[in-house]
Amino acid sequence: MSDSPDWLELLRGLDESVQLGQVRGAYVPDGFDLKETQVRFGVLAQRLSDIYGTRLTEPAGPVQDASLFGIITIPDSTSSTCNRATGFKFGIDVLVSSFGGLATVRVSRSAKKGEPYILPPMHPDDRGRIDEVLTELGYRVVPDEVLGLPYAGPNAWVFGSRTATWNTRFFSWL
């Protein structure tokens, strides 16, 4: 798409170089507005609750020792995403980063007893409804294929021997 952002350029621009023991830049960006971020996250949870007809609770962010602000989980009982062959339904996780209004959406990896661990693609109805709300609230929905690319920023030392991706940098524990 011609209107798609250059994701790697955007992610590199949000990636602040940090020193050992520094919180700003590592877990939250410089100039981070906790109150504004919590309010927007709460509105997101409420809007998704309305769409899915169930109360979706969210912990107050940011997540300790993480660049991830919070996760809203849409339960399998209300999502349309399922394994067509088995009929098993899957929940959906909406992840919000503390950086740049970034968000990503993925099929939940939690499995019930006896459920196969092969994740199906997200149902287009779920994807459309969630992306619409995220976009309306000003979030930038980063594709999984971009987040799966190897991390190539200034903070590789943070991850030690662990293989880091852009997902590790913006949607995970550091």
N, C-alpha and C. Protein backbone atom coordinates (compact mmCIF):
# COMPACT_ATOMS: atom_id res chain seq x y z
N MET A 1 0.84 -1.19 0.00
CA MET A 1 0.00 0.00 0.00
C MET A 1 0.88 1.25 0.00
N SER A 2 0.51 2.21 -0.79
CA SER A 2 1.31 3.42 -0.87
C SER A 2 1.17 4.30 0.36
N ASP A 3 0.05 4.16 1.10
CA ASP A 3 -0.11 4.97 2.30
C ASP A 3 0.38 4.27 3.56
N SER A 4 0.96 3.07 3.43
CA SER A 4 1.52 2.36 4.58
C SER A 4 2.78 3.07 5.04
N PRO A 5 2.94 3.21 6.34
CA PRO A 5 4.16 3.85 6.83
C PRO A 5 5.37 2.95 6.59
N ASP A 6 6.54 3.57 6.58
CA ASP A 6 7.77 2.80 6.57
C ASP A 6 7.97 2.36 8.01
N TRP A 7 7.53 1.16 8.31
CA TRP A 7 7.48 0.69 9.70
C TRP A 7 8.84 0.69 10.37
N LEU A 8 9.87 0.22 9.68
CA LEU A 8 11.19 0.17 10.32
C LEU A 8 11.70 1.58 10.62
N GLU A 9 11.45 2.51 9.74
CA GLU A 9 11.85 3.89 9.99
C GLU A 9 11.09 4.45 11.21
N LEU A 10 9.81 4.16 11.28
CA LEU A 10 9.00 4.61 12.42
C LEU A 10 9.50 4.01 13.72
N LEU A 11 9.75 2.69 13.73
CA LEU A 11 10.20 2.02 14.95
C LEU A 11 11.58 2.53 15.38
N ARG A 12 12.48 2.70 14.43
CA ARG A 12 13.80 3.24 14.77
C ARG A 12 13.68 4.64 15.36
N GLY A 13 12.76 5.44 14.83
CA GLY A 13 12.55 6.79 15.34
C GLY A 13 12.01 6.83 16.76
N LEU A 14 11.27 5.81 17.15
CA LEU A 14 10.72 5.74 18.51
C LEU A 14 11.69 5.11 19.51
N ASP A 15 12.71 4.46 19.01
CA ASP A 15 13.65 3.70 19.83
C ASP A 15 14.72 4.62 20.42
N GLU A 16 14.54 5.00 21.67
CA GLU A 16 15.47 5.89 22.35
C GLU A 16 16.64 5.09 22.94
N SER A 17 17.83 5.60 22.75
CA SER A 17 19.01 4.96 23.31
C SER A 17 19.02 5.15 24.83
N VAL A 18 19.28 4.08 25.55
CA VAL A 18 19.24 4.14 27.02
C VAL A 18 20.54 3.64 27.63
N GLN A 19 20.77 4.07 28.86
CA GLN A 19 21.93 3.63 29.63
C GLN A 19 21.44 2.71 30.75
N LEU A 20 22.32 1.90 31.27
CA LEU A 20 22.00 0.98 32.35
C LEU A 20 21.33 1.72 33.51
N GLY A 21 20.20 1.20 33.98
CA GLY A 21 19.49 1.77 35.10
C GLY A 21 18.52 2.88 34.73
N GLN A 22 18.50 3.26 33.49
CA GLN A 22 17.64 4.35 33.03
C GLN A 22 16.25 3.80 32.70
N VAL A 23 15.20 4.41 33.27
CA VAL A 23 13.83 3.98 33.01
C VAL A 23 13.28 4.68 31.77
N ARG A 24 13.42 6.00 31.74
CA ARG A 24 12.94 6.77 30.58
C ARG A 24 13.75 6.35 29.37
N GLY A 25 13.05 6.02 28.32
CA GLY A 25 13.71 5.57 27.10
C GLY A 25 13.74 4.05 26.99
N ALA A 26 13.80 3.37 28.12
CA ALA A 26 13.81 1.91 28.08
C ALA A 26 12.37 1.37 28.16
N TYR A 27 11.70 1.68 29.27
CA TYR A 27 10.35 1.18 29.49
C TYR A 27 9.28 2.13 28.97
N VAL A 28 9.53 3.40 29.06
CA VAL A 28 8.61 4.43 28.56
C VAL A 28 9.44 5.49 27.85
N PRO A 29 8.86 6.15 26.86
CA PRO A 29 9.63 7.18 26.15
C PRO A 29 9.77 8.45 26.97
N ASP A 30 10.75 9.23 26.61
CA ASP A 30 10.91 10.55 27.20
C ASP A 30 9.62 11.33 26.92
N GLY A 31 9.11 12.04 27.90
CA GLY A 31 7.87 12.80 27.72
C GLY A 31 6.62 11.95 27.83
N PHE A 32 6.74 10.74 28.35
CA PHE A 32 5.61 9.82 28.48
C PHE A 32 4.54 10.43 29.39
N ASP A 33 3.30 10.43 28.93
CA ASP A 33 2.17 10.96 29.70
C ASP A 33 1.34 9.78 30.20
N LEU A 34 1.60 9.36 31.43
CA LEU A 34 0.93 8.20 32.01
C LEU A 34 -0.58 8.37 32.04
N LYS A 35 -1.04 9.51 32.49
CA LYS A 35 -2.49 9.72 32.63
C LYS A 35 -3.18 9.63 31.27
N GLU A 36 -2.64 10.30 30.27
CA GLU A 36 -3.25 10.28 28.93
C GLU A 36 -3.26 8.87 28.36
N THR A 37 -2.16 8.14 28.57
CA THR A 37 -2.05 6.78 28.06
C THR A 37 -3.05 5.86 28.75
N GLN A 38 -3.21 6.02 30.07
CA GLN A 38 -4.17 5.20 30.81
C GLN A 38 -5.60 5.49 30.38
N VAL A 39 -5.91 6.77 30.18
CA VAL A 39 -7.26 7.13 29.76
C VAL A 39 -7.57 6.53 28.39
N ARG A 40 -6.66 6.68 27.44
CA ARG A 40 -6.90 6.14 26.10
C ARG A 40 -7.02 4.62 26.14
N PHE A 41 -6.19 3.96 26.95
CA PHE A 41 -6.25 2.51 27.09
C PHE A 41 -7.60 2.09 27.69
N GLY A 42 -8.07 2.84 28.68
CA GLY A 42 -9.38 2.56 29.27
C GLY A 42 -10.51 2.73 28.28
N VAL A 43 -10.44 3.76 27.45
CA VAL A 43 -11.44 3.97 26.40
C VAL A 43 -11.41 2.80 25.42
N LEU A 44 -10.21 2.35 25.05
CA LEU A 44 -10.08 1.20 24.16
C LEU A 44 -10.75 -0.03 24.77
N ALA A 45 -10.49 -0.30 26.03
CA ALA A 45 -11.10 -1.45 26.71
C ALA A 45 -12.62 -1.33 26.72
N GLN A 46 -13.13 -0.14 26.98
CA GLN A 46 -14.57 0.08 27.01
C GLN A 46 -15.20 -0.11 25.64
N ARG A 47 -14.57 0.45 24.62
CA ARG A 47 -15.10 0.32 23.25
C ARG A 47 -15.12 -1.14 22.82
N LEU A 48 -14.04 -1.88 23.11
CA LEU A 48 -14.01 -3.31 22.75
C LEU A 48 -15.03 -4.09 23.58
N SER A 49 -15.23 -3.71 24.84
CA SER A 49 -16.26 -4.34 25.68
C SER A 49 -17.63 -4.16 25.05
N ASP A 50 -17.91 -2.96 24.58
CA ASP A 50 -19.20 -2.68 23.93
C ASP A 50 -19.38 -3.52 22.67
N ILE A 51 -18.33 -3.61 21.87
CA ILE A 51 -18.40 -4.35 20.61
C ILE A 51 -18.60 -5.84 20.86
N TYR A 52 -17.89 -6.39 21.83
CA TYR A 52 -17.93 -7.82 22.08
C TYR A 52 -18.98 -8.24 23.12
N GLY A 53 -19.67 -7.27 23.70
CA GLY A 53 -20.77 -7.58 24.60
C GLY A 53 -20.36 -8.23 25.91
N THR A 54 -19.16 -7.95 26.35
CA THR A 54 -18.68 -8.48 27.63
C THR A 54 -17.69 -7.49 28.23
N ARG A 55 -17.63 -7.46 29.53
CA ARG A 55 -16.71 -6.54 30.22
C ARG A 55 -15.28 -7.05 30.07
N LEU A 56 -14.46 -6.29 29.36
CA LEU A 56 -13.05 -6.63 29.20
C LEU A 56 -12.27 -5.77 30.18
N THR A 57 -11.64 -6.40 31.13
CA THR A 57 -10.89 -5.65 32.12
C THR A 57 -9.45 -5.51 31.68
N GLU A 58 -8.88 -4.42 32.09
CA GLU A 58 -7.48 -4.17 31.75
C GLU A 58 -6.76 -3.71 33.01
N PRO A 59 -5.56 -4.18 33.22
CA PRO A 59 -4.79 -3.69 34.36
C PRO A 59 -4.31 -2.27 34.08
N ALA A 60 -4.13 -1.51 35.13
CA ALA A 60 -3.57 -0.17 34.95
C ALA A 60 -2.12 -0.33 34.53
N GLY A 61 -1.76 0.30 33.43
CA GLY A 61 -0.39 0.20 32.93
C GLY A 61 0.46 1.32 33.47
N PRO A 62 1.71 1.35 33.17
CA PRO A 62 2.40 0.41 32.30
C PRO A 62 2.78 -0.87 33.03
N VAL A 63 3.02 -1.92 32.25
CA VAL A 63 3.45 -3.20 32.80
C VAL A 63 4.86 -3.02 33.35
N GLN A 64 5.09 -3.52 34.56
CA GLN A 64 6.39 -3.35 35.21
C GLN A 64 7.50 -4.03 34.41
N ASP A 65 8.62 -3.33 34.27
CA ASP A 65 9.83 -3.83 33.59
C ASP A 65 9.57 -4.21 32.13
N ALA A 66 8.68 -3.47 31.48
CA ALA A 66 8.32 -3.78 30.10
C ALA A 66 8.10 -2.50 29.30
N SER A 67 8.27 -2.61 28.01
CA SER A 67 7.89 -1.52 27.11
C SER A 67 6.42 -1.66 26.72
N LEU A 68 5.83 -2.77 27.07
CA LEU A 68 4.41 -3.05 26.87
C LEU A 68 3.61 -2.26 27.90
N PHE A 69 2.61 -1.51 27.45
CA PHE A 69 1.77 -0.78 28.39
C PHE A 69 0.70 -1.69 28.98
N GLY A 70 0.04 -2.46 28.12
CA GLY A 70 -1.02 -3.33 28.61
C GLY A 70 -1.58 -4.23 27.52
N ILE A 71 -2.34 -5.23 27.97
CA ILE A 71 -2.98 -6.19 27.07
C ILE A 71 -4.45 -6.27 27.42
N ILE A 72 -5.28 -6.22 26.40
CA ILE A 72 -6.71 -6.46 26.56
C ILE A 72 -7.00 -7.77 25.84
N THR A 73 -7.57 -8.73 26.55
CA THR A 73 -7.85 -10.03 25.95
C THR A 73 -9.35 -10.16 25.69
N ILE A 74 -9.66 -10.44 24.45
CA ILE A 74 -11.04 -10.73 24.05
C ILE A 74 -11.19 -12.24 24.17
N PRO A 75 -12.10 -12.71 25.01
CA PRO A 75 -12.19 -14.15 25.25
C PRO A 75 -12.69 -14.92 24.04
N ASP A 76 -12.32 -16.20 24.01
CA ASP A 76 -12.75 -17.06 22.90
C ASP A 76 -14.27 -17.16 22.79
N SER A 77 -14.95 -17.01 23.90
CA SER A 77 -16.41 -17.15 23.89
C SER A 77 -17.10 -16.03 23.11
N THR A 78 -16.40 -14.92 22.88
CA THR A 78 -17.03 -13.80 22.17
C THR A 78 -16.38 -13.49 20.82
N SER A 79 -15.23 -14.09 20.54
CA SER A 79 -14.57 -13.80 19.26
C SER A 79 -15.15 -14.70 18.17
N SER A 80 -14.87 -14.34 16.93
CA SER A 80 -15.29 -15.14 15.78
C SER A 80 -14.15 -16.03 15.28
N THR A 81 -12.98 -15.89 15.86
CA THR A 81 -11.80 -16.61 15.41
C THR A 81 -11.82 -18.05 15.91
N CYS A 82 -11.71 -18.99 14.96
CA CYS A 82 -11.72 -20.39 15.36
C CYS A 82 -10.93 -21.21 14.34
N ASN A 83 -10.57 -22.41 14.76
CA ASN A 83 -9.94 -23.37 13.87
C ASN A 83 -11.08 -24.04 13.10
N ARG A 84 -11.10 -23.84 11.81
CA ARG A 84 -12.21 -24.36 10.99
C ARG A 84 -12.30 -25.88 11.04
N ALA A 85 -11.17 -26.55 11.12
CA ALA A 85 -11.17 -28.01 11.10
C ALA A 85 -11.72 -28.60 12.40
N THR A 86 -11.37 -27.98 13.54
CA THR A 86 -11.77 -28.55 14.83
C THR A 86 -12.92 -27.82 15.49
N GLY A 87 -13.16 -26.57 15.09
CA GLY A 87 -14.21 -25.77 15.72
C GLY A 87 -13.77 -25.09 17.00
N PHE A 88 -12.52 -25.33 17.45
CA PHE A 88 -12.04 -24.67 18.66
C PHE A 88 -11.98 -23.17 18.44
N LYS A 89 -12.50 -22.42 19.39
CA LYS A 89 -12.48 -20.97 19.31
C LYS A 89 -11.25 -20.43 20.03
N PHE A 90 -10.77 -19.29 19.58
CA PHE A 90 -9.59 -18.65 20.16
C PHE A 90 -9.90 -17.23 20.57
N GLY A 91 -9.27 -16.81 21.66
CA GLY A 91 -9.35 -15.42 22.07
C GLY A 91 -8.38 -14.57 21.26
N ILE A 92 -8.45 -13.28 21.49
CA ILE A 92 -7.59 -12.34 20.78
C ILE A 92 -6.97 -11.40 21.80
N ASP A 93 -5.68 -11.14 21.64
CA ASP A 93 -4.97 -10.20 22.50
C ASP A 93 -4.72 -8.91 21.73
N VAL A 94 -5.07 -7.80 22.36
CA VAL A 94 -4.78 -6.47 21.83
C VAL A 94 -3.69 -5.90 22.73
N LEU A 95 -2.50 -5.72 22.17
CA LEU A 95 -1.35 -5.24 22.93
C LEU A 95 -1.08 -3.79 22.59
N VAL A 96 -0.83 -3.00 23.62
CA VAL A 96 -0.53 -1.58 23.45
C VAL A 96 0.84 -1.32 24.06
N SER A 97 1.69 -0.67 23.29
CA SER A 97 3.03 -0.31 23.74
C SER A 97 2.99 1.02 24.48
N SER A 98 3.99 1.26 25.29
CA SER A 98 4.15 2.57 25.93
C SER A 98 4.75 3.57 24.97
N PHE A 99 5.15 3.12 23.79
CA PHE A 99 5.84 3.98 22.83
C PHE A 99 4.96 4.32 21.64
N GLY A 100 4.85 5.61 21.34
CA GLY A 100 4.31 6.09 20.08
C GLY A 100 2.91 5.68 19.71
N GLY A 101 2.09 5.29 20.67
CA GLY A 101 0.74 4.87 20.33
C GLY A 101 0.72 3.60 19.48
N LEU A 102 1.74 2.75 19.65
CA LEU A 102 1.81 1.52 18.89
C LEU A 102 0.89 0.47 19.49
N ALA A 103 0.28 -0.32 18.62
CA ALA A 103 -0.56 -1.44 19.06
C ALA A 103 -0.36 -2.59 18.08
N THR A 104 -0.65 -3.79 18.55
CA THR A 104 -0.67 -4.95 17.67
C THR A 104 -1.77 -5.88 18.15
N VAL A 105 -2.25 -6.72 17.27
CA VAL A 105 -3.38 -7.60 17.56
C VAL A 105 -2.98 -9.00 17.11
N ARG A 106 -3.22 -9.98 17.99
CA ARG A 106 -2.89 -11.36 17.61
C ARG A 106 -3.82 -12.35 18.28
N VAL A 107 -3.91 -13.50 17.65
CA VAL A 107 -4.71 -14.59 18.22
C VAL A 107 -4.03 -15.01 19.51
N SER A 108 -4.84 -15.20 20.56
CA SER A 108 -4.31 -15.55 21.87
C SER A 108 -3.69 -16.94 21.84
N ARG A 109 -2.55 -17.07 22.49
CA ARG A 109 -1.82 -18.34 22.51
C ARG A 109 -2.26 -19.25 23.65
N SER A 110 -3.18 -18.80 24.48
CA SER A 110 -3.62 -19.65 25.57
C SER A 110 -4.48 -20.78 25.01
N ALA A 111 -4.21 -21.98 25.46
CA ALA A 111 -4.93 -23.14 24.94
C ALA A 111 -5.66 -23.85 26.06
N LYS A 112 -6.83 -24.37 25.75
CA LYS A 112 -7.58 -25.17 26.71
C LYS A 112 -7.13 -26.62 26.61
N LYS A 113 -7.43 -27.38 27.62
CA LYS A 113 -7.08 -28.79 27.63
C LYS A 113 -7.67 -29.47 26.38
N GLY A 114 -6.82 -30.19 25.68
CA GLY A 114 -7.26 -30.91 24.50
C GLY A 114 -7.30 -30.07 23.24
N GLU A 115 -7.02 -28.79 23.36
CA GLU A 115 -7.08 -27.90 22.20
C GLU A 115 -5.76 -27.94 21.45
N PRO A 116 -5.80 -28.07 20.13
CA PRO A 116 -4.55 -28.06 19.38
C PRO A 116 -3.87 -26.70 19.49
N TYR A 117 -2.55 -26.70 19.46
CA TYR A 117 -1.80 -25.46 19.64
C TYR A 117 -1.44 -24.81 18.31
N ILE A 118 -2.20 -25.08 17.28
CA ILE A 118 -1.97 -24.44 15.99
C ILE A 118 -2.91 -23.25 15.92
N LEU A 119 -2.33 -22.05 15.81
CA LEU A 119 -3.15 -20.85 15.80
C LEU A 119 -3.76 -20.62 14.43
N PRO A 120 -5.06 -20.39 14.39
CA PRO A 120 -5.69 -20.09 13.11
C PRO A 120 -5.48 -18.62 12.75
N PRO A 121 -5.71 -18.27 11.52
CA PRO A 121 -5.69 -16.85 11.19
C PRO A 121 -6.85 -16.16 11.90
N MET A 122 -6.68 -14.88 12.18
CA MET A 122 -7.74 -14.12 12.83
C MET A 122 -8.91 -13.96 11.86
N HIS A 123 -10.10 -14.12 12.38
CA HIS A 123 -11.31 -13.96 11.56
C HIS A 123 -11.38 -12.51 11.08
N PRO A 124 -11.72 -12.29 9.81
CA PRO A 124 -11.77 -10.92 9.28
C PRO A 124 -12.72 -9.99 10.05
N ASP A 125 -13.80 -10.53 10.60
CA ASP A 125 -14.72 -9.69 11.38
C ASP A 125 -14.02 -9.16 12.64
N ASP A 126 -13.28 -10.05 13.32
CA ASP A 126 -12.54 -9.61 14.51
C ASP A 126 -11.49 -8.58 14.12
N ARG A 127 -10.70 -8.89 13.10
CA ARG A 127 -9.64 -7.98 12.66
C ARG A 127 -10.21 -6.61 12.31
N GLY A 128 -11.28 -6.60 11.55
CA GLY A 128 -11.87 -5.33 11.12
C GLY A 128 -12.39 -4.49 12.27
N ARG A 129 -13.12 -5.12 13.18
CA ARG A 129 -13.69 -4.37 14.32
C ARG A 129 -12.59 -3.81 15.22
N ILE A 130 -11.59 -4.62 15.50
CA ILE A 130 -10.52 -4.18 16.40
C ILE A 130 -9.68 -3.10 15.74
N ASP A 131 -9.28 -3.31 14.49
CA ASP A 131 -8.48 -2.30 13.79
C ASP A 131 -9.22 -0.97 13.67
N GLU A 132 -10.52 -1.03 13.45
CA GLU A 132 -11.31 0.20 13.34
C GLU A 132 -11.25 1.01 14.64
N VAL A 133 -11.44 0.35 15.76
CA VAL A 133 -11.40 1.04 17.05
C VAL A 133 -10.00 1.59 17.32
N LEU A 134 -8.99 0.78 17.08
CA LEU A 134 -7.61 1.23 17.31
C LEU A 134 -7.31 2.47 16.46
N THR A 135 -7.70 2.45 15.22
CA THR A 135 -7.45 3.58 14.32
C THR A 135 -8.21 4.82 14.78
N GLU A 136 -9.46 4.64 15.15
CA GLU A 136 -10.27 5.78 15.63
C GLU A 136 -9.65 6.43 16.86
N LEU A 137 -8.99 5.62 17.70
CA LEU A 137 -8.38 6.15 18.93
C LEU A 137 -6.94 6.62 18.70
N GLY A 138 -6.48 6.58 17.47
CA GLY A 138 -5.16 7.11 17.14
C GLY A 138 -4.00 6.16 17.34
N TYR A 139 -4.28 4.88 17.53
CA TYR A 139 -3.19 3.90 17.65
C TYR A 139 -2.67 3.57 16.25
N ARG A 140 -1.39 3.21 16.19
CA ARG A 140 -0.77 2.74 14.95
C ARG A 140 -0.61 1.23 15.08
N VAL A 141 -1.34 0.48 14.26
CA VAL A 141 -1.35 -0.98 14.34
C VAL A 141 -0.19 -1.55 13.53
N VAL A 142 0.81 -2.06 14.23
CA VAL A 142 2.02 -2.57 13.60
C VAL A 142 1.79 -4.03 13.20
N PRO A 143 2.04 -4.35 11.94
CA PRO A 143 1.86 -5.74 11.49
C PRO A 143 2.84 -6.70 12.19
N ASP A 144 2.37 -7.92 12.45
CA ASP A 144 3.21 -8.94 13.09
C ASP A 144 4.48 -9.23 12.31
N GLU A 145 4.38 -9.20 10.98
CA GLU A 145 5.58 -9.52 10.18
C GLU A 145 6.68 -8.48 10.39
N VAL A 146 6.32 -7.25 10.69
CA VAL A 146 7.31 -6.21 10.99
C VAL A 146 7.88 -6.44 12.39
N LEU A 147 7.00 -6.74 13.34
CA LEU A 147 7.46 -6.95 14.72
C LEU A 147 8.33 -8.19 14.85
N GLY A 148 8.21 -9.13 13.93
CA GLY A 148 9.03 -10.34 13.96
C GLY A 148 10.43 -10.18 13.37
N LEU A 149 10.70 -9.01 12.78
CA LEU A 149 12.03 -8.77 12.20
C LEU A 149 13.06 -8.60 13.31
N PRO A 150 14.31 -8.99 13.06
CA PRO A 150 15.37 -8.85 14.07
C PRO A 150 15.52 -7.39 14.50
N TYR A 151 15.67 -7.20 15.80
CA TYR A 151 15.88 -5.87 16.35
C TYR A 151 17.24 -5.35 15.93
N ALA A 152 17.26 -4.13 15.41
CA ALA A 152 18.51 -3.53 14.94
C ALA A 152 18.62 -2.10 15.44
N GLY A 153 18.38 -1.93 16.74
CA GLY A 153 18.43 -0.59 17.32
C GLY A 153 19.59 -0.44 18.28
N PRO A 154 19.66 0.71 18.95
CA PRO A 154 20.80 1.02 19.82
C PRO A 154 20.80 0.31 21.17
N ASN A 155 19.76 -0.43 21.48
CA ASN A 155 19.64 -1.02 22.82
C ASN A 155 19.79 -2.54 22.84
N ALA A 156 20.53 -3.09 21.88
CA ALA A 156 20.70 -4.55 21.81
C ALA A 156 21.29 -5.10 23.11
N TRP A 157 22.11 -4.32 23.80
CA TRP A 157 22.73 -4.76 25.04
C TRP A 157 21.69 -5.13 26.10
N VAL A 158 20.50 -4.54 26.03
CA VAL A 158 19.44 -4.80 27.01
C VAL A 158 19.01 -6.27 26.97
N PHE A 159 19.04 -6.86 25.78
CA PHE A 159 18.50 -8.19 25.60
C PHE A 159 19.52 -9.30 25.82
N GLY A 160 20.77 -8.95 26.06
CA GLY A 160 21.80 -9.94 26.33
C GLY A 160 21.92 -10.94 25.19
N SER A 161 21.97 -12.22 25.54
CA SER A 161 22.13 -13.24 24.51
C SER A 161 20.80 -13.61 23.85
N ARG A 162 19.72 -13.09 24.39
CA ARG A 162 18.39 -13.38 23.84
C ARG A 162 18.25 -12.76 22.45
N THR A 163 17.73 -13.51 21.51
CA THR A 163 17.49 -12.98 20.17
C THR A 163 16.30 -12.03 20.25
N ALA A 164 16.55 -10.78 19.95
CA ALA A 164 15.52 -9.76 20.07
C ALA A 164 14.91 -9.42 18.71
N THR A 165 13.64 -9.08 18.76
CA THR A 165 12.91 -8.61 17.59
C THR A 165 12.34 -7.24 17.92
N TRP A 166 11.72 -6.60 16.97
CA TRP A 166 11.06 -5.32 17.25
C TRP A 166 9.89 -5.54 18.21
N ASN A 167 9.31 -6.74 18.20
CA ASN A 167 8.28 -7.06 19.18
C ASN A 167 8.87 -7.04 20.59
N THR A 168 10.07 -7.62 20.75
CA THR A 168 10.74 -7.62 22.05
C THR A 168 10.94 -6.19 22.53
N ARG A 169 11.33 -5.31 21.65
CA ARG A 169 11.63 -3.93 22.03
C ARG A 169 10.40 -3.14 22.47
N PHE A 170 9.28 -3.31 21.76
CA PHE A 170 8.12 -2.45 22.02
C PHE A 170 6.91 -3.13 22.63
N PHE A 171 6.88 -4.47 22.71
CA PHE A 171 5.69 -5.15 23.23
C PHE A 171 6.05 -6.27 24.19
N SER A 172 7.13 -6.13 24.96
CA SER A 172 7.56 -7.23 25.80
C SER A 172 8.25 -6.73 27.07
N TRP A 173 8.61 -7.69 27.90
CA TRP A 173 9.39 -7.40 29.09
C TRP A 173 10.84 -7.26 28.66
N LEU A 174 11.54 -6.32 29.26
CA LEU A 174 12.93 -6.07 28.87
C LEU A 174 13.88 -6.69 29.88
